[in-house]
């Protein structure tokens, strides 16, 4: 039984695409089940437990914004060529 090469090529291509997709899906599903496994999650939980064991100092977001603004203004005072025209006008008066 001889098959036409023009027909066999697309059939083999489609079969290989379906086969690779099926194998990839099996590995993806296996990976998802391994991640969902509680034994593997135990390691992550212990890391989070160690991280959360020490209290972290709370930092106000506005503190850093004010500090950055203060630093930026001090640099502009030292280097006036970095100022905009409006900033130069404000410092003149």
PDB file of N, CA and C in Angstrom:
ATOM      1  N   UNK A   1       0.842  -1.170   0.000  1.00  0.00           N
ATOM      2  CA  UNK A   1       0.000   0.000   0.000  1.00  0.00           C
ATOM      3  C   UNK A   1       0.890   1.236   0.000  1.00  0.00           C
ATOM      4  N   UNK A   2       0.895   1.945  -1.080  1.00  0.00           N
ATOM      5  CA  UNK A   2       1.688   3.159  -1.218  1.00  0.00           C
ATOM      6  C   UNK A   2       0.814   4.363  -0.919  1.00  0.00           C
ATOM      7  N   UNK A   3       1.381   5.287  -0.121  1.00  0.00           N
ATOM      8  CA  UNK A   3       0.638   6.514   0.160  1.00  0.00           C
ATOM      9  C   UNK A   3       1.274   7.649  -0.604  1.00  0.00           C
ATOM     10  N   UNK A   4       0.474   8.552  -0.975  1.00  0.00           N
ATOM     11  CA  UNK A   4       0.948   9.712  -1.711  1.00  0.00           C
ATOM     12  C   UNK A   4       1.769  10.597  -0.773  1.00  0.00           C
ATOM     13  N   UNK A   5       3.010  10.995  -1.148  1.00  0.00           N
ATOM     14  CA  UNK A   5       3.814  11.840  -0.263  1.00  0.00           C
ATOM     15  C   UNK A   5       3.163  13.189   0.026  1.00  0.00           C
ATOM     16  N   UNK A   6       2.355  13.676  -0.898  1.00  0.00           N
ATOM     17  CA  UNK A   6       1.691  14.957  -0.673  1.00  0.00           C
ATOM     18  C   UNK A   6       0.649  14.843   0.437  1.00  0.00           C
ATOM     19  N   UNK A   7       0.102  13.651   0.643  1.00  0.00           N
ATOM     20  CA  UNK A   7      -0.884  13.436   1.691  1.00  0.00           C
ATOM     21  C   UNK A   7      -0.196  13.039   2.992  1.00  0.00           C
ATOM     22  N   UNK A   8       0.877  12.257   2.895  1.00  0.00           N
ATOM     23  CA  UNK A   8       1.560  11.757   4.093  1.00  0.00           C
ATOM     24  C   UNK A   8       2.246  12.883   4.865  1.00  0.00           C
ATOM     25  N   UNK A   9       2.760  13.888   4.175  1.00  0.00           N
ATOM     26  CA  UNK A   9       3.456  15.000   4.847  1.00  0.00           C
ATOM     27  C   UNK A   9       2.566  15.757   5.812  1.00  0.00           C
ATOM     28  N   UNK A  10       1.429  16.268   5.369  1.00  0.00           N
ATOM     29  CA  UNK A  10       0.542  16.976   6.300  1.00  0.00           C
ATOM     30  C   UNK A  10      -0.006  16.087   7.409  1.00  0.00           C
ATOM     31  N   UNK A  11      -0.217  14.808   7.102  1.00  0.00           N
ATOM     32  CA  UNK A  11      -0.713  13.903   8.141  1.00  0.00           C
ATOM     33  C   UNK A  11       0.335  13.744   9.234  1.00  0.00           C
ATOM     34  N   UNK A  12       1.594  13.517   8.832  1.00  0.00           N
ATOM     35  CA  UNK A  12       2.668  13.383   9.817  1.00  0.00           C
ATOM     36  C   UNK A  12       2.871  14.677  10.601  1.00  0.00           C
ATOM     37  N   UNK A  13       2.784  15.808   9.915  1.00  0.00           N
ATOM     38  CA  UNK A  13       2.946  17.093  10.598  1.00  0.00           C
ATOM     39  C   UNK A  13       1.843  17.291  11.634  1.00  0.00           C
ATOM     40  N   UNK A  14       0.614  17.033  11.252  1.00  0.00           N
ATOM     41  CA  UNK A  14      -0.507  17.191  12.190  1.00  0.00           C
ATOM     42  C   UNK A  14      -0.394  16.212  13.349  1.00  0.00           C
ATOM     43  N   UNK A  15       0.019  14.967  13.054  1.00  0.00           N
ATOM     44  CA  UNK A  15       0.185  13.980  14.115  1.00  0.00           C
ATOM     45  C   UNK A  15       1.279  14.416  15.087  1.00  0.00           C
ATOM     46  N   UNK A  16       2.386  14.937  14.560  1.00  0.00           N
ATOM     47  CA  UNK A  16       3.479  15.357  15.450  1.00  0.00           C
ATOM     48  C   UNK A  16       3.062  16.554  16.296  1.00  0.00           C
ATOM     49  N   UNK A  17       2.291  17.476  15.738  1.00  0.00           N
ATOM     50  CA  UNK A  17       1.815  18.631  16.513  1.00  0.00           C
ATOM     51  C   UNK A  17       0.897  18.167  17.639  1.00  0.00           C
ATOM     52  N   UNK A  18      -0.011  17.251  17.337  1.00  0.00           N
ATOM     53  CA  UNK A  18      -0.923  16.737  18.356  1.00  0.00           C
ATOM     54  C   UNK A  18      -0.150  15.971  19.420  1.00  0.00           C
ATOM     55  N   UNK A  19       0.842  15.180  19.005  1.00  0.00           N
ATOM     56  CA  UNK A  19       1.630  14.396  19.957  1.00  0.00           C
ATOM     57  C   UNK A  19       2.423  15.301  20.895  1.00  0.00           C
ATOM     58  N   UNK A  20       3.094  16.311  20.345  1.00  0.00           N
ATOM     59  CA  UNK A  20       3.877  17.234  21.179  1.00  0.00           C
ATOM     60  C   UNK A  20       2.960  18.001  22.126  1.00  0.00           C
ATOM     61  N   UNK A  21       1.801  18.418  21.657  1.00  0.00           N
ATOM     62  CA  UNK A  21       0.849  19.130  22.511  1.00  0.00           C
ATOM     63  C   UNK A  21       0.353  18.236  23.646  1.00  0.00           C
ATOM     64  N   UNK A  22       0.079  16.978  23.340  1.00  0.00           N
ATOM     65  CA  UNK A  22      -0.406  16.060  24.374  1.00  0.00           C
ATOM     66  C   UNK A  22       0.672  15.799  25.421  1.00  0.00           C
ATOM     67  N   UNK A  23       1.911  15.590  24.980  1.00  0.00           N
ATOM     68  CA  UNK A  23       2.999  15.352  25.933  1.00  0.00           C
ATOM     69  C   UNK A  23       3.226  16.595  26.794  1.00  0.00           C
ATOM     70  N   UNK A  24       3.174  17.778  26.191  1.00  0.00           N
ATOM     71  CA  UNK A  24       3.335  19.023  26.952  1.00  0.00           C
ATOM     72  C   UNK A  24       2.223  19.182  27.978  1.00  0.00           C
ATOM     73  N   UNK A  25       1.009  18.835  27.591  1.00  0.00           N
ATOM     74  CA  UNK A  25      -0.116  18.948  28.524  1.00  0.00           C
ATOM     75  C   UNK A  25       0.055  18.000  29.700  1.00  0.00           C
ATOM     76  N   UNK A  26       0.555  16.799  29.439  1.00  0.00           N
ATOM     77  CA  UNK A  26       0.773  15.842  30.530  1.00  0.00           C
ATOM     78  C   UNK A  26       1.804  16.393  31.509  1.00  0.00           C
ATOM     79  N   UNK A  27       2.907  16.938  30.990  1.00  0.00           N
ATOM     80  CA  UNK A  27       3.933  17.497  31.874  1.00  0.00           C
ATOM     81  C   UNK A  27       3.415  18.721  32.631  1.00  0.00           C
ATOM     82  N   UNK A  28       2.608  19.548  31.976  1.00  0.00           N
ATOM     83  CA  UNK A  28       2.067  20.733  32.645  1.00  0.00           C
ATOM     84  C   UNK A  28       1.118  20.337  33.772  1.00  0.00           C
ATOM     85  N   UNK A  29       0.257  19.387  33.511  1.00  0.00           N
ATOM     86  CA  UNK A  29      -0.685  18.946  34.548  1.00  0.00           C
ATOM     87  C   UNK A  29       0.059  18.290  35.702  1.00  0.00           C
ATOM     88  N   UNK A  30       1.090  17.501  35.376  1.00  0.00           N
ATOM     89  CA  UNK A  30       1.891  16.877  36.429  1.00  0.00           C
ATOM     90  C   UNK A  30       2.580  17.943  37.278  1.00  0.00           C
ATOM     91  N   UNK A  31       3.098  18.982  36.632  1.00  0.00           N
ATOM     92  CA  UNK A  31       3.736  20.071  37.381  1.00  0.00           C
ATOM     93  C   UNK A  31       2.766  20.801  38.281  1.00  0.00           C
ATOM     94  N   UNK A  32       1.555  21.012  37.801  1.00  0.00           N
ATOM     95  CA  UNK A  32       0.542  21.694  38.614  1.00  0.00           C
ATOM     96  C   UNK A  32       0.184  20.853  39.833  1.00  0.00           C
ATOM     97  N   UNK A  33       0.051  19.545  39.633  1.00  0.00           N
ATOM     98  CA  UNK A  33      -0.263  18.677  40.773  1.00  0.00           C
ATOM     99  C   UNK A  33       0.885  18.621  41.768  1.00  0.00           C
ATOM    100  N   UNK A  34       2.118  18.675  41.286  1.00  0.00           N
ATOM    101  CA  UNK A  34       3.256  18.666  42.207  1.00  0.00           C
ATOM    102  C   UNK A  34       3.304  19.947  43.024  1.00  0.00           C
ATOM    103  N   UNK A  35       2.994  21.071  42.394  1.00  0.00           N
ATOM    104  CA  UNK A  35       2.987  22.339  43.126  1.00  0.00           C
ATOM    105  C   UNK A  35       1.881  22.328  44.177  1.00  0.00           C
ATOM    106  N   UNK A  36       0.739  21.757  43.819  1.00  0.00           N
ATOM    107  CA  UNK A  36      -0.385  21.735  44.751  1.00  0.00           C
ATOM    108  C   UNK A  36      -0.185  20.732  45.881  1.00  0.00           C
ATOM    109  N   UNK A  37       0.808  19.882  45.742  1.00  0.00           N
ATOM    110  CA  UNK A  37       1.057  18.872  46.767  1.00  0.00           C
ATOM    111  C   UNK A  37       1.486  19.551  48.068  1.00  0.00           C
ATOM    112  N   UNK A  38       0.883  19.180  49.157  1.00  0.00           N
ATOM    113  CA  UNK A  38       1.170  19.839  50.433  1.00  0.00           C
ATOM    114  C   UNK A  38       2.581  19.573  50.923  1.00  0.00           C
ATOM    115  N   UNK A  39       3.170  18.461  50.532  1.00  0.00           N
ATOM    116  CA  UNK A  39       4.539  18.194  50.963  1.00  0.00           C
ATOM    117  C   UNK A  39       5.506  19.217  50.377  1.00  0.00           C
ATOM    118  N   UNK A  40       5.281  19.614  49.135  1.00  0.00           N
ATOM    119  CA  UNK A  40       6.152  20.612  48.526  1.00  0.00           C
ATOM    120  C   UNK A  40       5.859  22.002  49.071  1.00  0.00           C
ATOM    121  N   UNK A  41       4.621  22.257  49.446  1.00  0.00           N
ATOM    122  CA  UNK A  41       4.265  23.564  49.983  1.00  0.00           C
ATOM    123  C   UNK A  41       4.813  23.747  51.388  1.00  0.00           C
ATOM    124  N   UNK A  42       5.123  22.652  52.070  1.00  0.00           N
ATOM    125  CA  UNK A  42       5.633  22.745  53.427  1.00  0.00           C
ATOM    126  C   UNK A  42       6.929  23.528  53.499  1.00  0.00           C
ATOM    127  N   UNK A  43       7.802  23.366  52.504  1.00  0.00           N
ATOM    128  CA  UNK A  43       9.060  24.104  52.488  1.00  0.00           C
ATOM    129  C   UNK A  43       8.832  25.600  52.363  1.00  0.00           C
ATOM    130  N   UNK A  44       7.889  25.981  51.538  1.00  0.00           N
ATOM    131  CA  UNK A  44       7.593  27.399  51.362  1.00  0.00           C
ATOM    132  C   UNK A  44       6.968  27.964  52.636  1.00  0.00           C
ATOM    133  N   UNK A  45       6.115  27.172  53.269  1.00  0.00           N
ATOM    134  CA  UNK A  45       5.491  27.642  54.510  1.00  0.00           C
ATOM    135  C   UNK A  45       6.531  27.850  55.599  1.00  0.00           C
ATOM    136  N   UNK A  46       7.531  26.974  55.669  1.00  0.00           N
ATOM    137  CA  UNK A  46       8.561  27.152  56.702  1.00  0.00           C
ATOM    138  C   UNK A  46       9.396  28.390  56.412  1.00  0.00           C
ATOM    139  N   UNK A  47       9.648  28.683  55.126  1.00  0.00           N
ATOM    140  CA  UNK A  47      10.379  29.906  54.786  1.00  0.00           C
ATOM    141  C   UNK A  47       9.574  31.133  55.185  1.00  0.00           C
ATOM    142  N   UNK A  48       8.277  31.114  54.922  1.00  0.00           N
ATOM    143  CA  UNK A  48       7.441  32.239  55.321  1.00  0.00           C
ATOM    144  C   UNK A  48       7.380  32.364  56.835  1.00  0.00           C
ATOM    145  N   UNK A  49       7.376  31.226  57.522  1.00  0.00           N
ATOM    146  CA  UNK A  49       7.376  31.258  58.980  1.00  0.00           C
ATOM    147  C   UNK A  49       8.634  31.903  59.520  1.00  0.00           C
ATOM    148  N   UNK A  50       9.782  31.599  58.909  1.00  0.00           N
ATOM    149  CA  UNK A  50      11.035  32.225  59.339  1.00  0.00           C
ATOM    150  C   UNK A  50      11.021  33.724  59.045  1.00  0.00           C
ATOM    151  N   UNK A  51      10.485  34.098  57.889  1.00  0.00           N
ATOM    152  CA  UNK A  51      10.443  35.512  57.521  1.00  0.00           C
ATOM    153  C   UNK A  51       9.524  36.290  58.454  1.00  0.00           C
ATOM    154  N   UNK A  52       8.393  35.690  58.800  1.00  0.00           N
ATOM    155  CA  UNK A  52       7.416  36.380  59.637  1.00  0.00           C
ATOM    156  C   UNK A  52       7.727  36.281  61.120  1.00  0.00           C
ATOM    157  N   UNK A  53       8.763  35.525  61.501  1.00  0.00           N
ATOM    158  CA  UNK A  53       9.093  35.366  62.917  1.00  0.00           C
ATOM    159  C   UNK A  53       9.645  36.657  63.512  1.00  0.00           C
ATOM    160  N   UNK A  54      10.347  37.449  62.697  1.00  0.00           N
ATOM    161  CA  UNK A  54      10.923  38.703  63.190  1.00  0.00           C
ATOM    162  C   UNK A  54      10.016  39.861  62.802  1.00  0.00           C
ATOM    163  N   UNK A  55       9.754  40.762  63.731  1.00  0.00           N
ATOM    164  CA  UNK A  55       8.930  41.919  63.363  1.00  0.00           C
ATOM    165  C   UNK A  55       9.701  42.845  62.425  1.00  0.00           C
ATOM    166  N   UNK A  56       9.023  43.335  61.426  1.00  0.00           N
ATOM    167  CA  UNK A  56       9.625  44.259  60.465  1.00  0.00           C
ATOM    168  C   UNK A  56       9.223  45.680  60.843  1.00  0.00           C
ATOM    169  N   UNK A  57      10.164  46.615  60.816  1.00  0.00           N
ATOM    170  CA  UNK A  57       9.788  47.995  61.130  1.00  0.00           C
ATOM    171  C   UNK A  57       8.871  48.552  60.047  1.00  0.00           C
ATOM    172  N   UNK A  58       7.845  49.231  60.487  1.00  0.00           N
ATOM    173  CA  UNK A  58       6.931  49.824  59.521  1.00  0.00           C
ATOM    174  C   UNK A  58       7.498  51.151  59.056  1.00  0.00           C
ATOM    175  N   UNK A  59       7.446  51.364  57.763  1.00  0.00           N
ATOM    176  CA  UNK A  59       7.973  52.593  57.197  1.00  0.00           C
ATOM    177  C   UNK A  59       6.838  53.318  56.497  1.00  0.00           C
ATOM    178  N   UNK A  60       6.745  54.586  56.806  1.00  0.00           N
ATOM    179  CA  UNK A  60       5.718  55.402  56.181  1.00  0.00           C
ATOM    180  C   UNK A  60       6.163  55.736  54.766  1.00  0.00           C
ATOM    181  N   UNK A  61       5.289  55.533  53.793  1.00  0.00           N
ATOM    182  CA  UNK A  61       5.643  55.828  52.403  1.00  0.00           C
ATOM    183  C   UNK A  61       5.974  57.297  52.211  1.00  0.00           C
ATOM    184  N   UNK A  62       5.302  58.163  52.940  1.00  0.00           N
ATOM    185  CA  UNK A  62       5.518  59.594  52.750  1.00  0.00           C
ATOM    186  C   UNK A  62       6.902  60.027  53.218  1.00  0.00           C
ATOM    187  N   UNK A  63       7.486  59.310  54.176  1.00  0.00           N
ATOM    188  CA  UNK A  63       8.833  59.665  54.623  1.00  0.00           C
ATOM    189  C   UNK A  63       9.819  59.588  53.477  1.00  0.00           C
ATOM    190  N   UNK A  64       9.758  58.516  52.716  1.00  0.00           N
ATOM    191  CA  UNK A  64      10.712  58.371  51.620  1.00  0.00           C
ATOM    192  C   UNK A  64      10.456  59.409  50.541  1.00  0.00           C
ATOM    193  N   UNK A  65       9.186  59.737  50.312  1.00  0.00           N
ATOM    194  CA  UNK A  65       8.889  60.746  49.296  1.00  0.00           C
ATOM    195  C   UNK A  65       9.463  62.091  49.727  1.00  0.00           C
ATOM    196  N   UNK A  66       9.270  62.464  50.998  1.00  0.00           N
ATOM    197  CA  UNK A  66       9.806  63.739  51.460  1.00  0.00           C
ATOM    198  C   UNK A  66      11.328  63.734  51.441  1.00  0.00           C
ATOM    199  N   UNK A  67      11.937  62.611  51.816  1.00  0.00           N
ATOM    200  CA  UNK A  67      13.393  62.532  51.784  1.00  0.00           C
ATOM    201  C   UNK A  67      13.914  62.695  50.365  1.00  0.00           C
ATOM    202  N   UNK A  68      13.273  62.050  49.412  1.00  0.00           N
ATOM    203  CA  UNK A  68      13.720  62.165  48.022  1.00  0.00           C
ATOM    204  C   UNK A  68      13.544  63.582  47.513  1.00  0.00           C
ATOM    205  N   UNK A  69      12.450  64.211  47.883  1.00  0.00           N
ATOM    206  CA  UNK A  69      12.225  65.591  47.449  1.00  0.00           C
ATOM    207  C   UNK A  69      13.280  66.507  48.040  1.00  0.00           C
ATOM    208  N   UNK A  70      13.597  66.305  49.301  1.00  0.00           N
ATOM    209  CA  UNK A  70      14.619  67.126  49.953  1.00  0.00           C
ATOM    210  C   UNK A  70      15.972  66.929  49.282  1.00  0.00           C
ATOM    211  N   UNK A  71      16.313  65.687  48.982  1.00  0.00           N
ATOM    212  CA  UNK A  71      17.589  65.409  48.310  1.00  0.00           C
ATOM    213  C   UNK A  71      17.607  66.047  46.936  1.00  0.00           C
ATOM    214  N   UNK A  72      16.507  65.942  46.203  1.00  0.00           N
ATOM    215  CA  UNK A  72      16.444  66.502  44.858  1.00  0.00           C
ATOM    216  C   UNK A  72      16.617  68.020  44.891  1.00  0.00           C
ATOM    217  N   UNK A  73      15.974  68.675  45.854  1.00  0.00           N
ATOM    218  CA  UNK A  73      16.104  70.127  45.942  1.00  0.00           C
ATOM    219  C   UNK A  73      17.515  70.537  46.343  1.00  0.00           C
ATOM    220  N   UNK A  74      18.147  69.777  47.228  1.00  0.00           N
ATOM    221  CA  UNK A  74      19.515  70.128  47.619  1.00  0.00           C
ATOM    222  C   UNK A  74      20.478  69.962  46.450  1.00  0.00           C
ATOM    223  N   UNK A  75      20.263  68.953  45.618  1.00  0.00           N
ATOM    224  CA  UNK A  75      21.120  68.769  44.440  1.00  0.00           C
ATOM    225  C   UNK A  75      20.902  69.903  43.457  1.00  0.00           C
ATOM    226  N   UNK A  76      19.659  70.321  43.285  1.00  0.00           N
ATOM    227  CA  UNK A  76      19.387  71.411  42.351  1.00  0.00           C
ATOM    228  C   UNK A  76      19.973  72.727  42.844  1.00  0.00           C
ATOM    229  N   UNK A  77      20.052  72.914  44.162  1.00  0.00           N
ATOM    230  CA  UNK A  77      20.682  74.127  44.682  1.00  0.00           C
ATOM    231  C   UNK A  77      22.183  74.105  44.427  1.00  0.00           C
ATOM    232  N   UNK A  78      22.783  72.927  44.515  1.00  0.00           N
ATOM    233  CA  UNK A  78      24.218  72.817  44.254  1.00  0.00           C
ATOM    234  C   UNK A  78      24.528  72.927  42.767  1.00  0.00           C
ATOM    235  N   UNK A  79      23.635  72.435  41.930  1.00  0.00           N
ATOM    236  CA  UNK A  79      23.844  72.440  40.479  1.00  0.00           C
ATOM    237  C   UNK A  79      22.679  73.170  39.825  1.00  0.00           C
ATOM    238  N   UNK A  80      22.763  74.471  39.696  1.00  0.00           N
ATOM    239  CA  UNK A  80      21.623  75.234  39.178  1.00  0.00           C
ATOM    240  C   UNK A  80      21.271  74.927  37.729  1.00  0.00           C
ATOM    241  N   UNK A  81      22.179  74.335  36.972  1.00  0.00           N
ATOM    242  CA  UNK A  81      21.851  74.006  35.588  1.00  0.00           C
ATOM    243  C   UNK A  81      20.837  72.871  35.497  1.00  0.00           C
ATOM    244  N   UNK A  82      20.561  72.199  36.600  1.00  0.00           N
ATOM    245  CA  UNK A  82      19.528  71.164  36.615  1.00  0.00           C
ATOM    246  C   UNK A  82      18.139  71.736  36.909  1.00  0.00           C
ATOM    247  N   UNK A  83      18.065  73.020  37.230  1.00  0.00           N
ATOM    248  CA  UNK A  83      16.776  73.630  37.575  1.00  0.00           C
ATOM    249  C   UNK A  83      15.996  74.002  36.324  1.00  0.00           C
ATOM    250  N   UNK A  84      14.689  73.971  36.463  1.00  0.00           N
ATOM    251  CA  UNK A  84      13.848  74.492  35.396  1.00  0.00           C
ATOM    252  C   UNK A  84      13.822  76.012  35.515  1.00  0.00           C
ATOM    253  N   UNK A  85      13.285  76.674  34.521  1.00  0.00           N
ATOM    254  CA  UNK A  85      13.236  78.134  34.530  1.00  0.00           C
ATOM    255  C   UNK A  85      12.395  78.638  35.700  1.00  0.00           C
ATOM    256  N   UNK A  86      11.284  77.962  35.999  1.00  0.00           N
ATOM    257  CA  UNK A  86      10.430  78.380  37.114  1.00  0.00           C
ATOM    258  C   UNK A  86      11.169  78.236  38.436  1.00  0.00           C
ATOM    259  N   UNK A  87      11.966  77.184  38.592  1.00  0.00           N
ATOM    260  CA  UNK A  87      12.726  77.008  39.829  1.00  0.00           C
ATOM    261  C   UNK A  87      13.811  78.068  39.963  1.00  0.00           C
ATOM    262  N   UNK A  88      14.418  78.450  38.849  1.00  0.00           N
ATOM    263  CA  UNK A  88      15.436  79.511  38.893  1.00  0.00           C
ATOM    264  C   UNK A  88      14.808  80.837  39.303  1.00  0.00           C
ATOM    265  N   UNK A  89      13.615  81.114  38.776  1.00  0.00           N
ATOM    266  CA  UNK A  89      12.920  82.355  39.128  1.00  0.00           C
ATOM    267  C   UNK A  89      12.564  82.380  40.611  1.00  0.00           C
ATOM    268  N   UNK A  90      12.143  81.259  41.162  1.00  0.00           N
ATOM    269  CA  UNK A  90      11.794  81.197  42.582  1.00  0.00           C
ATOM    270  C   UNK A  90      13.006  81.435  43.470  1.00  0.00           C
ATOM    271  N   UNK A  91      14.159  80.920  43.080  1.00  0.00           N
ATOM    272  CA  UNK A  91      15.347  81.075  43.927  1.00  0.00           C
ATOM    273  C   UNK A  91      15.930  82.476  43.836  1.00  0.00           C
ATOM    274  N   UNK A  92      15.642  83.216  42.770  1.00  0.00           N
ATOM    275  CA  UNK A  92      16.166  84.586  42.638  1.00  0.00           C
ATOM    276  C   UNK A  92      15.527  85.525  43.653  1.00  0.00           C
ATOM    277  N   UNK A  93      14.265  85.339  43.945  1.00  0.00           N
ATOM    278  CA  UNK A  93      13.542  86.284  44.813  1.00  0.00           C
ATOM    279  C   UNK A  93      13.592  85.887  46.242  1.00  0.00           C
TER     280      UNK A  93
END
